[in-house]
Amino acid sequence: MMIMIRKKIRTWVRVISTKFIVNVKIMIMKSPINNEINKWFWFQTLFSVMIGFRYSTSFFIW
Protein backbone atom coordinates (compact mmCIF):
# COMPACT_ATOMS: atom_id res chain seq x y z
CA MET A 1 0.00 0.00 0.00
CA MET A 2 2.66 2.49 1.05
CA ILE A 3 4.91 1.54 -1.88
CA MET A 4 2.11 2.24 -4.37
CA ILE A 5 1.50 5.69 -2.91
CA ARG A 6 5.21 6.45 -3.04
CA LYS A 7 5.43 5.37 -6.67
CA LYS A 8 2.42 7.53 -7.57
CA ILE A 9 3.90 10.56 -5.80
CA ARG A 10 7.25 9.98 -7.50
CA THR A 11 5.76 9.84 -11.01
CA TRP A 12 3.55 12.84 -10.22
CA VAL A 13 6.55 14.89 -9.08
CA ARG A 14 8.50 13.84 -12.17
CA VAL A 15 5.69 14.91 -14.50
CA ILE A 16 5.31 18.28 -12.77
CA SER A 17 9.06 18.96 -12.76
CA THR A 18 9.45 18.05 -16.44
CA LYS A 19 6.48 20.25 -17.38
CA PHE A 20 7.96 23.11 -15.38
CA ILE A 21 11.39 22.67 -16.99
CA VAL A 22 9.81 22.61 -20.46
CA ASN A 23 7.92 25.83 -19.67
CA VAL A 24 11.11 27.52 -18.48
CA LYS A 25 12.94 26.34 -21.61
CA ILE A 26 10.18 27.85 -23.78
CA MET A 27 10.49 31.10 -21.81
CA ILE A 28 14.25 31.08 -22.37
CA MET A 29 13.77 30.50 -26.09
CA LYS A 30 11.17 33.28 -26.33
CA SER A 31 13.29 35.78 -24.42
CA PRO A 32 15.70 37.86 -26.53
CA ILE A 33 18.84 35.81 -26.96
CA ASN A 34 21.09 38.82 -27.56
CA ASN A 35 20.36 39.85 -23.95
CA GLU A 36 23.06 37.84 -22.15
CA ILE A 37 22.01 38.97 -18.66
CA ASN A 38 18.46 37.76 -19.29
CA LYS A 39 19.73 34.39 -20.50
CA TRP A 40 22.06 33.98 -17.51
CA PHE A 41 19.24 34.93 -15.12
CA TRP A 42 16.90 32.29 -16.58
CA PHE A 43 19.64 29.66 -16.57
CA GLN A 44 20.45 30.35 -12.92
CA THR A 45 16.77 30.18 -11.96
CA LEU A 46 16.28 26.91 -13.84
CA PHE A 47 19.40 25.41 -12.30
CA SER A 48 18.48 26.34 -8.73
CA VAL A 49 14.91 25.08 -9.23
CA MET A 50 16.16 21.75 -10.59
CA ILE A 51 18.59 21.30 -7.68
CA GLY A 52 15.92 22.31 -5.18
CA PHE A 53 13.43 19.87 -6.71
CA ARG A 54 15.95 17.04 -6.61
CA TYR A 55 16.84 17.61 -2.96
CA SER A 56 13.31 18.26 -1.67
CA THR A 57 11.84 15.22 -3.45
CA SER A 58 14.71 12.98 -2.35
CA PHE A 59 14.21 14.02 1.28
CA PHE A 60 10.46 13.53 1.27
CA ILE A 61 10.02 10.46 -0.93
CA TRP A 62 13.20 8.38 -1.10
PDB file of N, CA and C in Angstrom:
ATOM      1  N   MET A   1       0.832  -1.206   0.000  1.00  0.00           N
ATOM      2  CA  MET A   1       0.000   0.000   0.000  1.00  0.00           C
ATOM      3  C   MET A   1       0.873   1.266   0.000  1.00  0.00           C
ATOM      4  N   MET A   2       1.793   1.320   0.952  1.00  0.00           N
ATOM      5  CA  MET A   2       2.655   2.494   1.050  1.00  0.00           C
ATOM      6  C   MET A   2       3.541   2.627  -0.183  1.00  0.00           C
ATOM      7  N   ILE A   3       4.023   1.501  -0.708  1.00  0.00           N
ATOM      8  CA  ILE A   3       4.910   1.539  -1.881  1.00  0.00           C
ATOM      9  C   ILE A   3       4.165   2.119  -3.080  1.00  0.00           C
ATOM     10  N   MET A   4       2.901   1.720  -3.249  1.00  0.00           N
ATOM     11  CA  MET A   4       2.112   2.237  -4.373  1.00  0.00           C
ATOM     12  C   MET A   4       1.961   3.746  -4.276  1.00  0.00           C
ATOM     13  N   ILE A   5       1.664   4.251  -3.088  1.00  0.00           N
ATOM     14  CA  ILE A   5       1.502   5.695  -2.905  1.00  0.00           C
ATOM     15  C   ILE A   5       2.809   6.407  -3.228  1.00  0.00           C
ATOM     16  N   ARG A   6       3.915   5.836  -2.759  1.00  0.00           N
ATOM     17  CA  ARG A   6       5.213   6.452  -3.041  1.00  0.00           C
ATOM     18  C   ARG A   6       5.487   6.493  -4.528  1.00  0.00           C
ATOM     19  N   LYS A   7       5.187   5.400  -5.220  1.00  0.00           N
ATOM     20  CA  LYS A   7       5.428   5.375  -6.670  1.00  0.00           C
ATOM     21  C   LYS A   7       4.577   6.416  -7.371  1.00  0.00           C
ATOM     22  N   LYS A   8       3.311   6.536  -6.945  1.00  0.00           N
ATOM     23  CA  LYS A   8       2.424   7.529  -7.570  1.00  0.00           C
ATOM     24  C   LYS A   8       2.956   8.931  -7.339  1.00  0.00           C
ATOM     25  N   ILE A   9       3.365   9.218  -6.106  1.00  0.00           N
ATOM     26  CA  ILE A   9       3.897  10.556  -5.805  1.00  0.00           C
ATOM     27  C   ILE A   9       5.145  10.824  -6.633  1.00  0.00           C
ATOM     28  N   ARG A  10       5.995   9.812  -6.759  1.00  0.00           N
ATOM     29  CA  ARG A  10       7.245   9.979  -7.498  1.00  0.00           C
ATOM     30  C   ARG A  10       6.972  10.317  -8.957  1.00  0.00           C
ATOM     31  N   THR A  11       6.061   9.566  -9.597  1.00  0.00           N
ATOM     32  CA  THR A  11       5.757   9.841 -11.009  1.00  0.00           C
ATOM     33  C   THR A  11       5.105  11.204 -11.138  1.00  0.00           C
ATOM     34  N   TRP A  12       4.222  11.556 -10.190  1.00  0.00           N
ATOM     35  CA  TRP A  12       3.547  12.843 -10.219  1.00  0.00           C
ATOM     36  C   TRP A  12       4.553  13.982 -10.143  1.00  0.00           C
ATOM     37  N   VAL A  13       5.512  13.857  -9.226  1.00  0.00           N
ATOM     38  CA  VAL A  13       6.552  14.890  -9.082  1.00  0.00           C
ATOM     39  C   VAL A  13       7.383  14.983 -10.353  1.00  0.00           C
ATOM     40  N   ARG A  14       7.703  13.829 -10.941  1.00  0.00           N
ATOM     41  CA  ARG A  14       8.504  13.837 -12.168  1.00  0.00           C
ATOM     42  C   ARG A  14       7.774  14.558 -13.292  1.00  0.00           C
ATOM     43  N   VAL A  15       6.482  14.265 -13.435  1.00  0.00           N
ATOM     44  CA  VAL A  15       5.693  14.913 -14.498  1.00  0.00           C
ATOM     45  C   VAL A  15       5.659  16.416 -14.285  1.00  0.00           C
ATOM     46  N   ILE A  16       5.399  16.840 -13.045  1.00  0.00           N
ATOM     47  CA  ILE A  16       5.313  18.285 -12.767  1.00  0.00           C
ATOM     48  C   ILE A  16       6.656  18.957 -13.029  1.00  0.00           C
ATOM     49  N   SER A  17       7.747  18.339 -12.581  1.00  0.00           N
ATOM     50  CA  SER A  17       9.058  18.961 -12.758  1.00  0.00           C
ATOM     51  C   SER A  17       9.421  19.044 -14.236  1.00  0.00           C
ATOM     52  N   THR A  18       9.120  17.997 -15.010  1.00  0.00           N
ATOM     53  CA  THR A  18       9.448  18.053 -16.440  1.00  0.00           C
ATOM     54  C   THR A  18       8.605  19.113 -17.138  1.00  0.00           C
ATOM     55  N   LYS A  19       7.320  19.205 -16.774  1.00  0.00           N
ATOM     56  CA  LYS A  19       6.477  20.247 -17.381  1.00  0.00           C
ATOM     57  C   LYS A  19       7.014  21.626 -17.056  1.00  0.00           C
ATOM     58  N   PHE A  20       7.422  21.816 -15.798  1.00  0.00           N
ATOM     59  CA  PHE A  20       7.962  23.110 -15.379  1.00  0.00           C
ATOM     60  C   PHE A  20       9.241  23.440 -16.141  1.00  0.00           C
ATOM     61  N   ILE A  21      10.121  22.448 -16.285  1.00  0.00           N
ATOM     62  CA  ILE A  21      11.387  22.667 -16.988  1.00  0.00           C
ATOM     63  C   ILE A  21      11.123  23.008 -18.451  1.00  0.00           C
ATOM     64  N   VAL A  22      10.155  22.320 -19.063  1.00  0.00           N
ATOM     65  CA  VAL A  22       9.811  22.615 -20.462  1.00  0.00           C
ATOM     66  C   VAL A  22       9.297  24.042 -20.579  1.00  0.00           C
ATOM     67  N   ASN A  23       8.439  24.456 -19.645  1.00  0.00           N
ATOM     68  CA  ASN A  23       7.920  25.827 -19.665  1.00  0.00           C
ATOM     69  C   ASN A  23       9.052  26.847 -19.554  1.00  0.00           C
ATOM     70  N   VAL A  24       9.994  26.584 -18.644  1.00  0.00           N
ATOM     71  CA  VAL A  24      11.114  27.517 -18.478  1.00  0.00           C
ATOM     72  C   VAL A  24      11.970  27.547 -19.733  1.00  0.00           C
ATOM     73  N   LYS A  25      12.159  26.381 -20.365  1.00  0.00           N
ATOM     74  CA  LYS A  25      12.939  26.342 -21.610  1.00  0.00           C
ATOM     75  C   LYS A  25      12.258  27.166 -22.693  1.00  0.00           C
ATOM     76  N   ILE A  26      10.923  27.060 -22.789  1.00  0.00           N
ATOM     77  CA  ILE A  26      10.184  27.854 -23.782  1.00  0.00           C
ATOM     78  C   ILE A  26      10.358  29.341 -23.484  1.00  0.00           C
ATOM     79  N   MET A  27      10.297  29.698 -22.181  1.00  0.00           N
ATOM     80  CA  MET A  27      10.489  31.101 -21.808  1.00  0.00           C
ATOM     81  C   MET A  27      11.882  31.576 -22.204  1.00  0.00           C
ATOM     82  N   ILE A  28      12.883  30.710 -21.997  1.00  0.00           N
ATOM     83  CA  ILE A  28      14.251  31.078 -22.372  1.00  0.00           C
ATOM     84  C   ILE A  28      14.336  31.284 -23.880  1.00  0.00           C
ATOM     85  N   MET A  29      13.706  30.392 -24.638  1.00  0.00           N
ATOM     86  CA  MET A  29      13.767  30.496 -26.089  1.00  0.00           C
ATOM     87  C   MET A  29      13.040  31.743 -26.575  1.00  0.00           C
ATOM     88  N   LYS A  30      11.931  32.108 -25.911  1.00  0.00           N
ATOM     89  CA  LYS A  30      11.167  33.283 -26.331  1.00  0.00           C
ATOM     90  C   LYS A  30      11.870  34.580 -25.951  1.00  0.00           C
ATOM     91  N   SER A  31      12.618  34.566 -24.850  1.00  0.00           N
ATOM     92  CA  SER A  31      13.289  35.785 -24.416  1.00  0.00           C
ATOM     93  C   SER A  31      14.391  36.151 -25.415  1.00  0.00           C
ATOM     94  N   PRO A  32      14.668  37.443 -25.569  1.00  0.00           N
ATOM     95  CA  PRO A  32      15.697  37.864 -26.532  1.00  0.00           C
ATOM     96  C   PRO A  32      17.052  37.257 -26.202  1.00  0.00           C
ATOM     97  N   ILE A  33      17.596  36.546 -27.188  1.00  0.00           N
ATOM     98  CA  ILE A  33      18.837  35.805 -26.956  1.00  0.00           C
ATOM     99  C   ILE A  33      20.036  36.745 -26.887  1.00  0.00           C
ATOM    100  N   ASN A  34      19.956  37.901 -27.572  1.00  0.00           N
ATOM    101  CA  ASN A  34      21.093  38.822 -27.558  1.00  0.00           C
ATOM    102  C   ASN A  34      21.278  39.441 -26.175  1.00  0.00           C
ATOM    103  N   ASN A  35      20.246  39.324 -25.305  1.00  0.00           N
ATOM    104  CA  ASN A  35      20.360  39.847 -23.945  1.00  0.00           C
ATOM    105  C   ASN A  35      21.005  38.782 -23.064  1.00  0.00           C
ATOM    106  N   GLU A  36      22.317  38.873 -22.883  1.00  0.00           N
ATOM    107  CA  GLU A  36      23.062  37.841 -22.149  1.00  0.00           C
ATOM    108  C   GLU A  36      22.645  37.784 -20.677  1.00  0.00           C
ATOM    109  N   ILE A  37      22.367  38.933 -20.085  1.00  0.00           N
ATOM    110  CA  ILE A  37      22.006  38.970 -18.656  1.00  0.00           C
ATOM    111  C   ILE A  37      20.701  38.213 -18.445  1.00  0.00           C
ATOM    112  N   ASN A  38      19.749  38.425 -19.357  1.00  0.00           N
ATOM    113  CA  ASN A  38      18.462  37.759 -19.285  1.00  0.00           C
ATOM    114  C   ASN A  38      18.636  36.247 -19.354  1.00  0.00           C
ATOM    115  N   LYS A  39      19.471  35.820 -20.320  1.00  0.00           N
ATOM    116  CA  LYS A  39      19.727  34.392 -20.499  1.00  0.00           C
ATOM    117  C   LYS A  39      20.366  33.804 -19.238  1.00  0.00           C
ATOM    118  N   TRP A  40      21.366  34.479 -18.706  1.00  0.00           N
ATOM    119  CA  TRP A  40      22.056  33.982 -17.512  1.00  0.00           C
ATOM    120  C   TRP A  40      21.088  33.899 -16.334  1.00  0.00           C
ATOM    121  N   PHE A  41      20.208  34.931 -16.216  1.00  0.00           N
ATOM    122  CA  PHE A  41      19.236  34.929 -15.123  1.00  0.00           C
ATOM    123  C   PHE A  41      18.321  33.713 -15.221  1.00  0.00           C
ATOM    124  N   TRP A  42      17.804  33.435 -16.419  1.00  0.00           N
ATOM    125  CA  TRP A  42      16.904  32.293 -16.584  1.00  0.00           C
ATOM    126  C   TRP A  42      17.633  30.988 -16.320  1.00  0.00           C
ATOM    127  N   PHE A  43      18.874  30.882 -16.777  1.00  0.00           N
ATOM    128  CA  PHE A  43      19.644  29.659 -16.572  1.00  0.00           C
ATOM    129  C   PHE A  43      19.869  29.414 -15.082  1.00  0.00           C
ATOM    130  N   GLN A  44      20.224  30.480 -14.363  1.00  0.00           N
ATOM    131  CA  GLN A  44      20.447  30.354 -12.920  1.00  0.00           C
ATOM    132  C   GLN A  44      19.174  29.912 -12.219  1.00  0.00           C
ATOM    133  N   THR A  45      18.047  30.525 -12.583  1.00  0.00           N
ATOM    134  CA  THR A  45      16.767  30.177 -11.963  1.00  0.00           C
ATOM    135  C   THR A  45      16.443  28.718 -12.223  1.00  0.00           C
ATOM    136  N   LEU A  46      16.576  28.298 -13.482  1.00  0.00           N
ATOM    137  CA  LEU A  46      16.276  26.911 -13.841  1.00  0.00           C
ATOM    138  C   LEU A  46      17.165  25.944 -13.068  1.00  0.00           C
ATOM    139  N   PHE A  47      18.441  26.274 -12.982  1.00  0.00           N
ATOM    140  CA  PHE A  47      19.400  25.405 -12.304  1.00  0.00           C
ATOM    141  C   PHE A  47      19.056  25.255 -10.820  1.00  0.00           C
ATOM    142  N   SER A  48      18.785  26.391 -10.164  1.00  0.00           N
ATOM    143  CA  SER A  48      18.478  26.337  -8.729  1.00  0.00           C
ATOM    144  C   SER A  48      17.167  25.591  -8.488  1.00  0.00           C
ATOM    145  N   VAL A  49      16.189  25.783  -9.373  1.00  0.00           N
ATOM    146  CA  VAL A  49      14.910  25.082  -9.225  1.00  0.00           C
ATOM    147  C   VAL A  49      15.116  23.579  -9.378  1.00  0.00           C
ATOM    148  N   MET A  50      15.918  23.181 -10.371  1.00  0.00           N
ATOM    149  CA  MET A  50      16.164  21.751 -10.587  1.00  0.00           C
ATOM    150  C   MET A  50      16.853  21.139  -9.371  1.00  0.00           C
ATOM    151  N   ILE A  51      17.873  21.829  -8.849  1.00  0.00           N
ATOM    152  CA  ILE A  51      18.588  21.302  -7.682  1.00  0.00           C
ATOM    153  C   ILE A  51      17.654  21.235  -6.482  1.00  0.00           C
ATOM    154  N   GLY A  52      16.853  22.290  -6.291  1.00  0.00           N
ATOM    155  CA  GLY A  52      15.917  22.307  -5.177  1.00  0.00           C
ATOM    156  C   GLY A  52      14.905  21.175  -5.281  1.00  0.00           C
ATOM    157  N   PHE A  53      14.390  20.960  -6.493  1.00  0.00           N
ATOM    158  CA  PHE A  53      13.435  19.875  -6.709  1.00  0.00           C
ATOM    159  C   PHE A  53      14.063  18.542  -6.365  1.00  0.00           C
ATOM    160  N   ARG A  54      15.271  18.311  -6.855  1.00  0.00           N
ATOM    161  CA  ARG A  54      15.948  17.037  -6.607  1.00  0.00           C
ATOM    162  C   ARG A  54      16.083  16.781  -5.108  1.00  0.00           C
ATOM    163  N   TYR A  55      16.576  17.813  -4.382  1.00  0.00           N
ATOM    164  CA  TYR A  55      16.837  17.607  -2.958  1.00  0.00           C
ATOM    165  C   TYR A  55      15.541  17.465  -2.170  1.00  0.00           C
ATOM    166  N   SER A  56      14.551  18.315  -2.450  1.00  0.00           N
ATOM    167  CA  SER A  56      13.308  18.258  -1.674  1.00  0.00           C
ATOM    168  C   SER A  56      12.598  16.923  -1.912  1.00  0.00           C
ATOM    169  N   THR A  57      12.528  16.479  -3.166  1.00  0.00           N
ATOM    170  CA  THR A  57      11.839  15.217  -3.446  1.00  0.00           C
ATOM    171  C   THR A  57      12.610  14.048  -2.846  1.00  0.00           C
ATOM    172  N   SER A  58      13.937  14.107  -2.894  1.00  0.00           N
ATOM    173  CA  SER A  58      14.712  12.983  -2.355  1.00  0.00           C
ATOM    174  C   SER A  58      14.528  12.902  -0.841  1.00  0.00           C
ATOM    175  N   PHE A  59      14.405  14.044  -0.168  1.00  0.00           N
ATOM    176  CA  PHE A  59      14.208  14.016   1.278  1.00  0.00           C
ATOM    177  C   PHE A  59      12.835  13.465   1.631  1.00  0.00           C
ATOM    178  N   PHE A  60      11.813  13.888   0.874  1.00  0.00           N
ATOM    179  CA  PHE A  60      10.457  13.527   1.271  1.00  0.00           C
ATOM    180  C   PHE A  60      10.054  12.135   0.806  1.00  0.00           C
ATOM    181  N   ILE A  61      10.544  11.697  -0.338  1.00  0.00           N
ATOM    182  CA  ILE A  61      10.022  10.460  -0.930  1.00  0.00           C
ATOM    183  C   ILE A  61      11.000   9.306  -0.774  1.00  0.00           C
ATOM    184  N   TRP A  62      12.281   9.521  -1.103  1.00  0.00           N
ATOM    185  CA  TRP A  62      13.202   8.382  -1.104  1.00  0.00           C
ATOM    186  C   TRP A  62      13.697   8.044   0.296  1.00  0.00           C
TER     187      TRP A  62
END
